[in-house]
Amino acid sequence: MDVPDPAPARYPSTIAAPLEHELVIKKSRFIAQVAPARTTEEAEAVIAAVRRQYWDARHHCVALVIGTHADQQRSSDGGEPSGTAGVPMLEVLRRRELTDLVAVVARYFGGVKLGAGGLVRAYSSAVSEALDAARTVRRTPAVRIAVEVPHTDAGRLQSVLREWADHHEAQIEDVSYASSATLTLLVPPAHLVALDASLAAASAGRLVAVRGETVVMES
């Protein structure tokens, strides 16, 4: 009887693609854009693009989280009262355990003051609702594995390993051909022993999984 592998450790997730969402509260328009950004330079480019697009908005408020472990975090109230915009937006990103993304909210004032509490709710809701519509990209640590296979067995072993990967939260990263075929996989550390056993069974013990560096795998 197979014993299930423990769930792999996880890094903060990110999102797959940019997304825009508009929220209207008491005639004020809150236009939120969330976008992937792996560096502060990419985040700054997104911020600059939003400011150009919505150049006549009264406020441009920002929150960003960068780094595999979410170690770079920044926010700006964009002229709103201190603590009413950027920090609430950043808290949404933190609560959702997200990284490598930037959130920008452009506000067009509708003539009715919302008060500090109203602004906090509006900015956090705008970002939260935008993220609700975004596709989340899950991140886990994985070991890069290389399996060298004779050409005559490459097709069969690729099929076997693809099916194995589908059931073990792994990915086939690459297949290359030279004097032999090399299959490269990304495998969560908890599933390495299972891979060795499956590979041995599929090749009568002839093939070996060569372990390489640990990387971040996205799914």
Protein backbone atom coordinates (compact mmCIF):
# COMPACT_ATOMS: atom_id res chain seq x y z
CA MET A 1 0.00 0.00 0.00
CA ASP A 2 1.45 3.36 -1.05
CA VAL A 3 2.06 5.91 1.67
CA PRO A 4 1.24 9.44 0.45
CA ASP A 5 4.17 11.85 0.37
CA PRO A 6 3.94 14.83 2.71
CA ALA A 7 2.80 18.10 1.18
CA PRO A 8 5.75 20.15 -0.13
CA ALA A 9 6.82 23.38 1.51
CA ARG A 10 5.58 26.50 -0.25
CA TYR A 11 6.91 29.93 -1.02
CA PRO A 12 4.60 32.94 -1.32
CA SER A 13 2.56 32.73 -4.53
CA THR A 14 2.28 35.30 -7.32
CA ILE A 15 -0.18 36.05 -10.13
CA ALA A 16 -0.04 34.95 -13.74
CA ALA A 17 -0.89 38.17 -15.58
CA PRO A 18 -1.81 41.84 -15.11
CA LEU A 19 -5.43 42.62 -14.29
CA GLU A 20 -7.49 45.78 -13.82
CA HIS A 21 -10.59 46.26 -11.67
CA GLU A 22 -12.69 49.35 -10.98
CA LEU A 23 -14.64 50.07 -7.81
CA VAL A 24 -17.00 53.06 -7.41
CA ILE A 25 -17.84 54.29 -3.92
CA LYS A 26 -19.88 57.47 -3.39
CA LYS A 27 -18.96 58.66 -6.90
CA SER A 28 -15.22 58.19 -6.33
CA ARG A 29 -13.60 55.79 -8.85
CA PHE A 30 -10.89 53.45 -7.56
CA ILE A 31 -9.13 51.82 -10.53
CA ALA A 32 -6.86 49.03 -9.30
CA GLN A 33 -4.17 47.40 -11.40
CA VAL A 34 -2.28 44.35 -10.13
CA ALA A 35 0.64 43.01 -12.14
CA PRO A 36 3.50 40.52 -11.79
CA ALA A 37 6.85 42.19 -11.05
CA ARG A 38 9.98 40.18 -10.23
CA THR A 39 12.16 43.24 -9.62
CA THR A 40 11.69 46.75 -8.30
CA GLU A 41 12.52 48.01 -11.81
CA GLU A 42 9.60 46.02 -13.26
CA ALA A 43 7.34 47.34 -10.50
CA GLU A 44 8.40 50.92 -11.17
CA ALA A 45 7.64 50.45 -14.87
CA VAL A 46 4.09 49.32 -14.01
CA ILE A 47 3.62 52.28 -11.64
CA ALA A 48 4.85 54.71 -14.29
CA ALA A 49 2.52 53.20 -16.91
CA VAL A 50 -0.52 53.58 -14.62
CA ARG A 51 0.39 57.18 -13.86
CA ARG A 52 0.62 57.90 -17.60
CA GLN A 53 -2.64 56.12 -18.36
CA TYR A 54 -4.56 57.81 -15.54
CA TRP A 55 -2.59 61.05 -15.53
CA ASP A 56 -5.57 63.13 -14.41
CA ALA A 57 -6.43 60.99 -11.35
CA ARG A 58 -6.06 62.81 -8.03
CA HIS A 59 -4.17 59.97 -6.33
CA HIS A 60 -1.92 57.07 -7.42
CA CYS A 61 -1.42 54.73 -4.45
CA VAL A 62 1.02 51.83 -4.47
CA ALA A 63 1.87 48.58 -2.70
CA LEU A 64 4.49 46.09 -3.85
CA VAL A 65 6.10 42.90 -2.61
CA ILE A 66 9.24 41.53 -4.27
CA GLY A 67 11.45 38.48 -3.70
CA THR A 68 11.11 34.71 -3.37
CA HIS A 69 10.50 35.10 0.36
CA ALA A 70 8.61 38.43 0.05
CA ASP A 71 11.57 40.22 1.64
CA GLN A 72 11.12 43.57 -0.17
CA GLN A 73 7.89 45.41 0.68
CA ARG A 74 6.90 49.00 0.05
CA SER A 75 3.81 51.17 -0.01
CA SER A 76 2.80 54.75 -0.78
CA ASP A 77 -0.36 56.67 0.10
CA GLY A 78 -0.07 58.80 -3.03
CA GLY A 79 -1.25 61.96 -1.28
CA GLU A 80 -4.08 60.34 0.70
CA PRO A 81 -4.01 60.76 4.52
CA SER A 82 -1.19 58.72 6.03
CA GLY A 83 -2.02 55.04 6.49
CA THR A 84 -5.31 55.10 4.56
CA ALA A 85 -4.19 53.68 1.21
CA GLY A 86 -0.75 52.14 0.70
CA VAL A 87 -0.56 50.18 3.95
CA PRO A 88 -4.09 48.71 3.63
CA MET A 89 -3.23 47.67 0.06
CA LEU A 90 0.01 46.09 1.26
CA GLU A 91 -1.86 44.21 4.00
CA VAL A 92 -4.03 42.58 1.35
CA LEU A 93 -0.91 41.26 -0.40
CA ARG A 94 0.52 40.03 2.91
CA ARG A 95 -2.68 38.28 4.00
CA ARG A 96 -2.87 36.47 0.69
CA GLU A 97 0.80 35.44 0.98
CA LEU A 98 1.74 36.92 -2.39
CA THR A 99 5.03 38.19 -3.76
CA ASP A 100 6.62 39.45 -6.99
CA LEU A 101 3.74 41.76 -7.79
CA VAL A 102 2.71 45.39 -7.59
CA ALA A 103 -0.70 46.93 -6.95
CA VAL A 104 -1.51 50.48 -8.06
CA VAL A 105 -4.83 52.22 -7.42
CA ALA A 106 -5.71 55.43 -9.28
CA ARG A 107 -8.48 57.42 -7.59
CA TYR A 108 -10.78 59.95 -9.17
CA PHE A 109 -12.40 61.96 -6.39
CA GLY A 110 -16.20 62.03 -6.64
CA GLY A 111 -16.83 65.03 -4.39
CA VAL A 112 -17.85 63.10 -1.26
CA LYS A 113 -15.27 62.58 1.49
CA LEU A 114 -15.07 58.98 2.69
CA GLY A 115 -13.19 59.49 5.94
CA ALA A 116 -10.16 57.52 7.05
CA GLY A 117 -12.07 54.28 7.61
CA GLY A 118 -13.85 54.59 4.28
CA LEU A 119 -10.58 55.11 2.43
CA VAL A 120 -8.99 52.08 4.10
CA ARG A 121 -11.94 49.91 3.09
CA ALA A 122 -12.05 51.32 -0.44
CA TYR A 123 -8.36 50.83 -1.25
CA SER A 124 -8.14 47.38 0.34
CA SER A 125 -11.37 46.29 -1.40
CA ALA A 126 -10.18 47.53 -4.79
CA VAL A 127 -7.00 45.46 -4.57
CA SER A 128 -8.74 42.46 -3.02
CA GLU A 129 -11.41 42.34 -5.73
CA ALA A 130 -8.76 42.64 -8.46
CA LEU A 131 -6.87 39.71 -6.96
CA ASP A 132 -10.08 37.68 -6.74
CA ALA A 133 -10.19 37.75 -10.54
CA ALA A 134 -6.47 37.00 -11.05
CA ARG A 135 -5.03 33.52 -11.55
CA THR A 136 -2.72 32.65 -8.68
CA VAL A 137 0.59 30.96 -9.47
CA ARG A 138 1.64 28.53 -6.75
CA ARG A 139 5.36 28.26 -5.94
CA THR A 140 7.20 25.37 -4.33
CA PRO A 141 10.85 24.32 -3.99
CA ALA A 142 11.89 21.63 -6.45
CA VAL A 143 15.06 19.73 -7.31
CA ARG A 144 16.16 19.75 -10.94
CA ILE A 145 16.60 16.13 -12.03
CA ALA A 146 18.35 14.83 -15.16
CA VAL A 147 17.64 11.34 -16.52
CA GLU A 148 19.78 10.14 -19.45
CA VAL A 149 17.89 7.67 -21.62
CA PRO A 150 18.90 5.67 -24.75
CA HIS A 151 17.09 6.91 -27.84
CA THR A 152 15.30 3.59 -28.21
CA ASP A 153 13.64 4.05 -24.79
CA ALA A 154 13.15 7.82 -24.86
CA GLY A 155 9.54 7.89 -26.01
CA ARG A 156 8.39 5.23 -23.55
CA LEU A 157 10.26 6.72 -20.59
CA GLN A 158 9.04 10.22 -21.40
CA SER A 159 5.46 8.94 -21.29
CA VAL A 160 6.10 7.11 -18.00
CA LEU A 161 7.73 10.14 -16.38
CA ARG A 162 5.08 12.54 -17.65
CA GLU A 163 2.37 10.42 -16.04
CA TRP A 164 4.45 10.14 -12.85
CA ALA A 165 4.95 13.92 -12.76
CA ASP A 166 1.20 14.51 -13.13
CA HIS A 167 0.60 12.49 -9.94
CA HIS A 168 3.50 13.88 -7.87
CA GLU A 169 3.27 17.68 -8.33
CA ALA A 170 6.36 17.55 -10.57
CA GLN A 171 7.05 18.94 -14.05
CA ILE A 172 9.00 17.82 -17.10
CA GLU A 173 11.07 20.91 -17.84
CA ASP A 174 12.94 19.88 -20.96
CA VAL A 175 13.79 17.01 -23.32
CA SER A 176 17.06 17.27 -25.25
CA TYR A 177 18.70 14.93 -27.75
CA ALA A 178 22.39 14.28 -28.36
CA SER A 179 24.13 10.90 -28.24
CA SER A 180 21.28 9.98 -25.91
CA ALA A 181 18.10 11.69 -24.76
CA THR A 182 18.11 13.70 -21.52
CA LEU A 183 14.86 14.28 -19.68
CA THR A 184 14.94 17.15 -17.19
CA LEU A 185 12.33 17.22 -14.42
CA LEU A 186 11.48 19.55 -11.54
CA VAL A 187 10.58 17.40 -8.53
CA PRO A 188 9.48 18.46 -5.02
CA PRO A 189 12.03 17.17 -2.46
CA ALA A 190 9.37 15.05 -0.74
CA HIS A 191 8.88 13.03 -3.94
CA LEU A 192 12.52 12.21 -4.78
CA VAL A 193 12.46 8.74 -3.21
CA ALA A 194 9.26 7.93 -5.09
CA LEU A 195 10.90 9.04 -8.34
CA ASP A 196 13.90 6.77 -7.74
CA ALA A 197 11.60 3.80 -7.13
CA SER A 198 9.42 4.47 -10.17
CA LEU A 199 12.41 5.03 -12.45
CA ALA A 200 14.04 1.81 -11.25
CA ALA A 201 10.84 -0.13 -11.87
CA ALA A 202 10.37 1.36 -15.35
CA SER A 203 13.96 0.64 -16.46
CA ALA A 204 14.79 -2.57 -14.58
CA GLY A 205 17.22 -0.54 -12.48
CA ARG A 206 19.26 0.68 -15.47
CA LEU A 207 18.46 4.40 -15.27
CA VAL A 208 19.48 6.85 -12.55
CA ALA A 209 17.98 10.22 -11.61
CA VAL A 210 20.87 12.68 -11.25
CA ARG A 211 20.00 15.40 -8.75
CA GLY A 212 20.94 19.00 -9.39
CA GLU A 213 20.15 22.39 -7.88
CA THR A 214 17.08 23.35 -5.91
CA VAL A 215 14.93 25.88 -7.76
CA VAL A 216 11.51 27.52 -7.48
CA MET A 217 8.80 25.69 -9.40
CA GLU A 218 5.64 27.48 -10.50
CA SER A 219 2.30 25.82 -11.16
